[in-house]
Amino acid sequence: MFAKLDSSYFMDKRNVLARLDDRARLMSAVLAATNFPDKSQERQKHGTHMHARDTRKLVAEFASHPAVSALQALLDRNTPLTSIYGYALRLAWPTLEIDEPPRWVPPHWNEHLKHFYEATHIDKWWKDDDESWQAPVRHLNEIFDKVDFYGFLEPFFGTLPETLVFIPNVSFPTDANVRVRIGAELCLLMPPRKAWGDSAPWPYDNDPAFVYQEALKAYEELLLSGYFHQIPDVIATLSERPLPVDEKFSKMHPAWIDQLTGLFTSATVALFLEEVIDAREAKAFIQIQQKMEGLTILPGVTMLLRRYLDDQKTGKYANFSEYLPTFVKHLRLVKM
C-alpha cells in the first residue's frame, strides 16, 4: 500500500516514461534465433512469457540468417548485451541506418537486421499480439505515475536533464535487465519478474515494489557511472583503501567501484521503498540483500544516506558529490 502524499508531491512531476521500441523488439527477435534462450535456461531454469516462446518458434527457421549469425558470433565472444542493445537503440528507424557504427560491430549488420525484419514479417507478429506489449506499457505508466523518481534523485544528483525511459520486454532476454544511456535518455530494458519454476513470469503490475527497485538501481548505476568517469583522481584516491564489505559481497563484486555503486544503490532503494510504500517493504528488501548478497552493512549505509538527506535539506551539501569522501570514510564506522 502506498504512503499518502500531499498534492505538492505531484506538482509539476516528471514521470518515468514507459514505451515500446521497435529496434529493441527487433534485436530481441534476432536473439530468439540464437542459442541465447537455451543458455539462459542453463543458467537458471525459468518460465518465459508466451510471446517470447511464440517468437522463438516464428524465427526458428532463420537461425542461419546473416543477422543471426553475426549476433551469435558476438555472443560467443561474450559481447555484453548492453553493447548489443546500445547499438540497436542508436539505429535510425525504420531504415536502421547508422553513421558511425562501433568498431566491434560486424560489417553490414544493420543491413542484415533490416532484411531479417522484412523476411520474418516480425512487424505483423507484433501487431497480431499487440496486447502482450500494450498491457505492460499501460501498467508501467500507472505504476510510475504513483511516485516521483526525479524528485527522489534530485538531492543526490541535482536536477536531471536526462529522461528516464523504461522499455518493457516480453521477448528475450527473459533473465536479464539491460541498461543503456542513449543521448539524453537513460533506458532500461526489463523483462517481467520471473515466477517460481516453469510458471509464466508475473505481470509488471503484480509487484510494483520490484519494478521500482530494479528501475531505480538501473538509473542510478547509469548516473553514477557518468559521474565517476568525471572524477577519476578522486576515485583513485578513495579506492586506495578497501571498502568494509563482507567476503560474499566482495566476491560477487570484486571491483571497488562496483562495490561502492552496489552499496549506494541498495541503500537508496531501501529509502525509496520506505518513502513510497512503507517501512516493512524497505526492511524486507534490506533483509533479502543481506541474505542474497551478503550486504550485512546495508542498515548502516542506509542510516548514512538518511543523515545525508537531512544535511542536504539544511544546505550543508549541494549534492552527493560533496558528501562522497565523507560517505566512504564513514562506511568503516557503521561496519564496526
Protein backbone atom coordinates (compact mmCIF):
# COMPACT_ATOMS: atom_id res chain seq x y z
CA MET A 1 0.00 0.00 0.00
CA PHE A 2 1.36 3.40 -0.99
CA ALA A 3 2.04 6.11 1.54
CA LYS A 4 -0.34 9.06 1.41
CA LEU A 5 1.47 12.02 -0.09
CA ASP A 6 0.26 15.61 -0.22
CA SER A 7 -0.64 17.18 -3.55
CA SER A 8 2.59 19.18 -3.74
CA TYR A 9 4.49 15.90 -4.15
CA PHE A 10 2.99 15.52 -7.63
CA MET A 11 3.06 19.17 -8.69
CA ASP A 12 4.98 19.55 -11.98
CA LYS A 13 6.22 16.00 -11.54
CA ARG A 14 8.09 14.30 -14.35
CA ASN A 15 7.32 10.62 -14.75
CA VAL A 16 9.47 7.73 -15.86
CA LEU A 17 8.38 7.14 -19.45
CA ALA A 18 7.28 3.59 -20.31
CA ARG A 19 7.28 2.96 -24.05
CA LEU A 20 7.94 0.36 -26.72
CA ASP A 21 10.91 0.49 -29.09
CA ASP A 22 10.82 -1.49 -32.33
CA ARG A 23 14.62 -1.52 -32.54
CA ALA A 24 14.81 -3.28 -29.18
CA ARG A 25 11.99 -5.64 -30.17
CA LEU A 26 13.81 -6.49 -33.39
CA MET A 27 17.07 -7.26 -31.57
CA SER A 28 15.13 -9.44 -29.14
CA ALA A 29 13.64 -11.38 -32.05
CA VAL A 30 17.10 -11.93 -33.52
CA LEU A 31 18.29 -13.03 -30.09
CA ALA A 32 15.47 -15.59 -30.04
CA ALA A 33 17.02 -17.28 -33.09
CA THR A 34 20.44 -17.73 -31.41
CA ASN A 35 21.36 -20.20 -28.67
CA PHE A 36 20.82 -17.48 -26.06
CA PRO A 37 17.40 -18.82 -24.89
CA ASP A 38 18.89 -22.26 -24.21
CA LYS A 39 21.90 -20.78 -22.44
CA SER A 40 19.68 -18.64 -20.21
CA GLN A 41 17.74 -21.74 -19.16
CA GLU A 42 21.01 -23.48 -18.36
CA ARG A 43 21.94 -20.57 -16.09
CA GLN A 44 18.62 -20.81 -14.27
CA LYS A 45 15.50 -22.72 -15.25
CA HIS A 46 12.59 -20.31 -15.53
CA GLY A 47 9.25 -19.85 -17.23
CA THR A 48 9.01 -17.36 -20.07
CA HIS A 49 6.27 -15.15 -21.48
CA MET A 50 4.11 -16.77 -24.15
CA HIS A 51 5.10 -14.04 -26.60
CA ALA A 52 8.77 -14.96 -26.14
CA ARG A 53 8.05 -18.65 -26.73
CA ASP A 54 5.99 -17.94 -29.84
CA THR A 55 8.60 -15.52 -31.17
CA ARG A 56 11.21 -18.25 -30.90
CA LYS A 57 9.03 -20.60 -32.94
CA LEU A 58 8.45 -17.90 -35.54
CA VAL A 59 12.15 -17.19 -36.12
CA ALA A 60 13.47 -20.75 -35.73
CA GLU A 61 13.89 -21.22 -39.49
CA PHE A 62 16.10 -18.11 -39.65
CA ALA A 63 18.88 -19.46 -37.43
CA SER A 64 21.33 -19.25 -40.36
CA HIS A 65 20.34 -15.75 -41.39
CA PRO A 66 23.35 -13.36 -41.53
CA ALA A 67 21.83 -11.12 -38.86
CA VAL A 68 21.51 -14.08 -36.51
CA SER A 69 24.95 -15.47 -37.34
CA ALA A 70 26.51 -12.10 -36.60
CA LEU A 71 24.75 -11.86 -33.25
CA GLN A 72 25.69 -15.44 -32.37
CA ALA A 73 29.35 -14.64 -33.08
CA LEU A 74 29.13 -11.62 -30.77
CA LEU A 75 27.54 -13.71 -28.02
CA ASP A 76 30.25 -16.35 -28.43
CA ARG A 77 32.80 -13.60 -27.80
CA ASN A 78 30.90 -12.57 -24.65
CA THR A 79 29.90 -9.21 -26.04
CA PRO A 80 27.72 -7.58 -23.34
CA LEU A 81 24.01 -7.22 -24.01
CA THR A 82 24.46 -3.59 -23.00
CA SER A 83 26.66 -3.04 -26.05
CA ILE A 84 24.36 -5.00 -28.36
CA TYR A 85 21.20 -3.16 -27.35
CA GLY A 86 23.06 0.13 -27.16
CA TYR A 87 23.91 -0.34 -30.82
CA ALA A 88 20.32 -1.27 -31.69
CA LEU A 89 18.91 1.81 -29.96
CA ARG A 90 21.29 4.04 -31.93
CA LEU A 91 19.97 2.81 -35.28
CA ALA A 92 17.54 5.02 -37.20
CA TRP A 93 14.05 3.57 -37.54
CA PRO A 94 12.79 2.18 -39.84
CA THR A 95 15.83 2.47 -42.11
CA LEU A 96 18.22 1.03 -39.49
CA GLU A 97 20.93 3.32 -40.81
CA ILE A 98 23.80 4.46 -38.61
CA ASP A 99 26.52 6.97 -39.41
CA GLU A 100 29.42 5.64 -37.35
CA PRO A 101 28.92 2.10 -36.03
CA PRO A 102 31.27 0.97 -33.25
CA ARG A 103 34.36 -0.91 -34.44
CA TRP A 104 33.20 -4.16 -32.85
CA VAL A 105 30.01 -4.26 -34.95
CA PRO A 106 30.07 -6.88 -37.77
CA PRO A 107 30.16 -5.40 -41.30
CA HIS A 108 26.74 -4.55 -42.76
CA TRP A 109 24.97 -5.84 -39.67
CA ASN A 110 22.36 -3.09 -39.82
CA GLU A 111 21.54 -4.13 -43.39
CA HIS A 112 21.21 -7.78 -42.34
CA LEU A 113 18.97 -6.74 -39.45
CA LYS A 114 16.71 -4.87 -41.85
CA HIS A 115 16.49 -7.91 -44.11
CA PHE A 116 15.67 -10.12 -41.11
CA TYR A 117 12.89 -7.70 -40.14
CA GLU A 118 11.41 -7.86 -43.64
CA ALA A 119 11.89 -11.60 -44.22
CA THR A 120 10.35 -12.68 -40.91
CA HIS A 121 7.41 -10.24 -41.13
CA ILE A 122 8.00 -9.75 -37.44
CA ASP A 123 6.03 -6.49 -37.54
CA LYS A 124 2.88 -8.46 -38.38
CA TRP A 125 3.52 -10.71 -35.38
CA TRP A 126 3.86 -7.67 -33.12
CA LYS A 127 0.55 -6.32 -34.40
CA ASP A 128 -1.20 -9.69 -34.05
CA ASP A 129 -0.05 -9.96 -30.43
CA ASP A 130 -0.19 -6.25 -29.72
CA GLU A 131 -1.90 -6.58 -26.33
CA SER A 132 1.09 -8.52 -24.97
CA TRP A 133 3.08 -5.32 -25.47
CA GLN A 134 0.49 -2.65 -24.80
CA ALA A 135 -0.67 -4.04 -21.44
CA PRO A 136 2.81 -3.70 -19.86
CA VAL A 137 3.10 -0.12 -21.12
CA ARG A 138 -0.24 0.79 -19.53
CA HIS A 139 0.60 -0.96 -16.28
CA LEU A 140 4.04 0.61 -16.04
CA ASN A 141 2.82 4.13 -16.74
CA GLU A 142 0.22 3.65 -13.98
CA ILE A 143 2.91 2.34 -11.62
CA PHE A 144 5.31 5.21 -12.26
CA ASP A 145 2.54 7.80 -12.04
CA LYS A 146 2.28 6.98 -8.31
CA VAL A 147 5.85 8.00 -7.50
CA ASP A 148 8.42 10.68 -8.24
CA PHE A 149 11.77 9.24 -9.34
CA TYR A 150 13.11 12.62 -10.43
CA GLY A 151 12.26 14.26 -7.12
CA PHE A 152 13.84 11.42 -5.17
CA LEU A 153 17.06 11.52 -7.22
CA GLU A 154 17.46 15.30 -7.16
CA PRO A 155 19.06 15.57 -3.67
CA PHE A 156 21.74 13.12 -4.82
CA PHE A 157 22.33 14.15 -8.45
CA GLY A 158 20.76 17.58 -8.82
CA THR A 159 18.10 18.36 -11.42
CA LEU A 160 18.28 15.64 -14.07
CA PRO A 161 18.47 16.79 -17.69
CA GLU A 162 18.08 13.17 -18.76
CA THR A 163 14.80 11.41 -19.48
CA LEU A 164 14.23 8.13 -17.63
CA VAL A 165 12.85 5.54 -20.05
CA PHE A 166 11.50 2.09 -19.21
CA ILE A 167 11.19 -0.35 -22.15
CA PRO A 168 9.14 -3.43 -21.21
CA ASN A 169 10.39 -6.64 -22.78
CA VAL A 170 8.16 -9.70 -23.08
CA SER A 171 10.61 -11.28 -25.53
CA PHE A 172 14.32 -12.04 -24.97
CA PRO A 173 16.38 -11.74 -22.84
CA THR A 174 13.98 -13.21 -20.29
CA ASP A 175 16.51 -13.32 -17.45
CA ALA A 176 18.41 -10.04 -17.65
CA ASN A 177 17.91 -6.30 -17.46
CA VAL A 178 19.74 -4.13 -19.98
CA ARG A 179 20.51 -0.51 -19.15
CA VAL A 180 21.99 1.94 -21.62
CA ARG A 181 22.50 5.68 -21.98
CA ILE A 182 21.36 6.90 -25.40
CA GLY A 183 21.97 10.62 -25.78
CA ALA A 184 19.87 12.36 -23.15
CA GLU A 185 17.91 9.21 -22.27
CA LEU A 186 18.65 6.66 -19.57
CA CYS A 187 16.99 3.48 -20.84
CA LEU A 188 16.14 0.28 -19.00
CA LEU A 189 15.03 -2.77 -20.98
CA MET A 190 13.49 -5.16 -18.46
CA PRO A 191 11.56 -8.44 -18.63
CA PRO A 192 8.69 -9.26 -16.25
CA ARG A 193 9.71 -10.73 -12.92
CA LYS A 194 10.48 -14.46 -13.02
CA ALA A 195 7.95 -16.63 -11.19
CA TRP A 196 8.51 -19.95 -9.46
CA GLY A 197 9.78 -22.91 -11.51
CA ASP A 198 8.34 -23.09 -15.02
CA SER A 199 5.46 -20.72 -14.31
CA ALA A 200 4.98 -17.73 -16.59
CA PRO A 201 6.54 -14.50 -15.29
CA TRP A 202 4.49 -12.14 -13.15
CA PRO A 203 2.85 -9.14 -14.85
CA TYR A 204 4.65 -5.89 -14.08
CA ASP A 205 1.74 -4.56 -12.03
CA ASN A 206 1.74 -7.65 -9.81
CA ASP A 207 4.70 -6.30 -7.82
CA PRO A 208 5.29 -2.53 -8.23
CA ALA A 209 7.93 -2.57 -5.49
CA PHE A 210 10.09 -4.89 -7.59
CA VAL A 211 9.71 -2.62 -10.61
CA TYR A 212 10.73 0.38 -8.50
CA GLN A 213 13.81 -1.25 -7.05
CA GLU A 214 15.07 -2.59 -10.38
CA ALA A 215 14.43 0.67 -12.21
CA LEU A 216 15.92 2.90 -9.53
CA LYS A 217 19.07 0.81 -9.32
CA ALA A 218 19.48 0.82 -13.10
CA TYR A 219 19.08 4.58 -13.47
CA GLU A 220 21.38 5.27 -10.53
CA GLU A 221 24.03 2.95 -11.94
CA LEU A 222 23.99 4.90 -15.19
CA LEU A 223 24.13 8.23 -13.36
CA LEU A 224 26.95 7.10 -11.07
CA SER A 225 28.95 5.70 -13.98
CA GLY A 226 28.84 9.05 -15.73
CA TYR A 227 29.76 10.89 -12.55
CA PHE A 228 32.63 8.59 -11.60
CA HIS A 229 34.16 9.00 -15.04
CA GLN A 230 34.35 12.74 -14.40
CA ILE A 231 36.37 12.39 -11.18
CA PRO A 232 38.99 9.67 -11.83
CA ASP A 233 41.52 11.24 -9.44
CA VAL A 234 39.04 11.33 -6.55
CA ILE A 235 38.05 7.71 -7.16
CA ALA A 236 41.70 6.67 -7.40
CA THR A 237 42.42 8.23 -4.01
CA LEU A 238 39.31 6.87 -2.30
CA SER A 239 39.83 3.36 -3.70
CA GLU A 240 43.28 3.04 -2.13
CA ARG A 241 41.56 1.58 0.92
CA PRO A 242 39.17 -1.38 0.53
CA LEU A 243 35.53 -0.91 1.40
CA PRO A 244 34.30 -2.65 4.58
CA VAL A 245 32.11 -5.23 2.81
CA ASP A 246 31.66 -8.93 3.58
CA GLU A 247 33.56 -11.56 1.65
CA LYS A 248 30.41 -12.79 -0.10
CA PHE A 249 29.62 -9.35 -1.50
CA SER A 250 33.27 -8.77 -2.39
CA LYS A 251 33.42 -11.98 -4.42
CA MET A 252 30.23 -11.09 -6.27
CA HIS A 253 31.50 -7.55 -6.94
CA PRO A 254 35.31 -7.63 -6.92
CA ALA A 255 35.83 -4.15 -8.38
CA TRP A 256 35.95 -1.32 -5.80
CA ILE A 257 33.77 0.96 -7.94
CA ASP A 258 31.13 -1.76 -8.30
CA GLN A 259 31.08 -2.29 -4.55
CA LEU A 260 30.56 1.42 -3.93
CA THR A 261 27.80 1.52 -6.56
CA GLY A 262 26.12 -1.52 -5.02
CA LEU A 263 26.17 -0.02 -1.54
CA PHE A 264 24.74 3.29 -2.73
CA THR A 265 22.01 1.88 -4.96
CA SER A 266 20.84 -0.71 -2.44
CA ALA A 267 20.62 1.85 0.34
CA THR A 268 18.74 4.38 -1.79
CA VAL A 269 16.29 1.70 -2.90
CA ALA A 270 15.58 0.94 0.77
CA LEU A 271 14.97 4.64 1.44
CA PHE A 272 12.71 4.94 -1.61
CA LEU A 273 10.61 1.90 -0.68
CA GLU A 274 10.22 3.24 2.84
CA GLU A 275 9.09 6.60 1.45
CA VAL A 276 6.58 5.46 -1.17
CA ILE A 277 5.32 2.15 0.27
CA ASP A 278 6.17 1.52 3.92
CA ALA A 279 8.90 0.59 6.39
CA ARG A 280 8.07 -3.11 6.18
CA GLU A 281 8.75 -3.19 2.44
CA ALA A 282 12.10 -1.44 2.98
CA LYS A 283 13.03 -3.82 5.79
CA ALA A 284 12.14 -6.85 3.66
CA PHE A 285 14.35 -5.53 0.84
CA ILE A 286 17.27 -4.99 3.23
CA GLN A 287 16.93 -8.50 4.63
CA ILE A 288 16.91 -10.01 1.14
CA GLN A 289 20.04 -8.05 0.20
CA GLN A 290 21.77 -9.19 3.37
CA LYS A 291 20.92 -12.83 2.70
CA MET A 292 21.43 -12.97 -1.08
CA GLU A 293 24.43 -10.66 -1.47
CA GLY A 294 25.99 -10.60 1.99
CA LEU A 295 25.26 -6.91 2.43
CA THR A 296 25.28 -7.00 6.22
CA ILE A 297 26.44 -3.39 6.26
CA LEU A 298 23.30 -2.18 4.45
CA PRO A 299 21.37 -0.88 7.51
CA GLY A 300 24.35 1.30 8.38
CA VAL A 301 24.70 2.57 4.81
CA THR A 302 21.01 3.44 4.77
CA MET A 303 21.47 5.38 8.00
CA LEU A 304 24.34 7.37 6.45
CA LEU A 305 22.28 8.31 3.42
CA ARG A 306 19.31 9.28 5.58
CA ARG A 307 21.66 11.55 7.53
CA TYR A 308 22.97 12.99 4.26
CA LEU A 309 19.43 13.82 3.12
CA ASP A 310 18.79 15.65 6.39
CA ASP A 311 22.03 17.64 5.99
CA GLN A 312 21.32 18.32 2.33
CA LYS A 313 17.95 19.86 3.21
CA THR A 314 19.68 22.30 5.56
CA GLY A 315 22.14 23.34 2.83
CA LYS A 316 25.20 21.59 4.22
CA TYR A 317 25.68 19.73 0.92
CA ALA A 318 24.55 20.76 -2.56
CA ASN A 319 24.58 17.18 -3.83
CA PHE A 320 26.07 13.80 -3.10
CA SER A 321 29.38 14.52 -4.82
CA GLU A 322 30.32 16.87 -1.96
CA TYR A 323 29.49 14.17 0.57
CA LEU A 324 31.22 11.28 -1.22
CA PRO A 325 34.60 11.39 0.63
CA THR A 326 32.81 11.60 3.99
CA PHE A 327 30.45 8.81 2.96
CA VAL A 328 33.31 6.45 2.11
CA LYS A 329 35.13 7.34 5.33
CA HIS A 330 32.04 6.77 7.49
CA LEU A 331 31.33 3.37 5.95
CA ARG A 332 34.10 1.98 8.14
CA LEU A 333 32.38 3.39 11.23
CA VAL A 334 28.97 1.80 10.54
CA LYS A 335 30.71 -1.52 9.86
CA MET A 336 32.20 -1.58 13.34
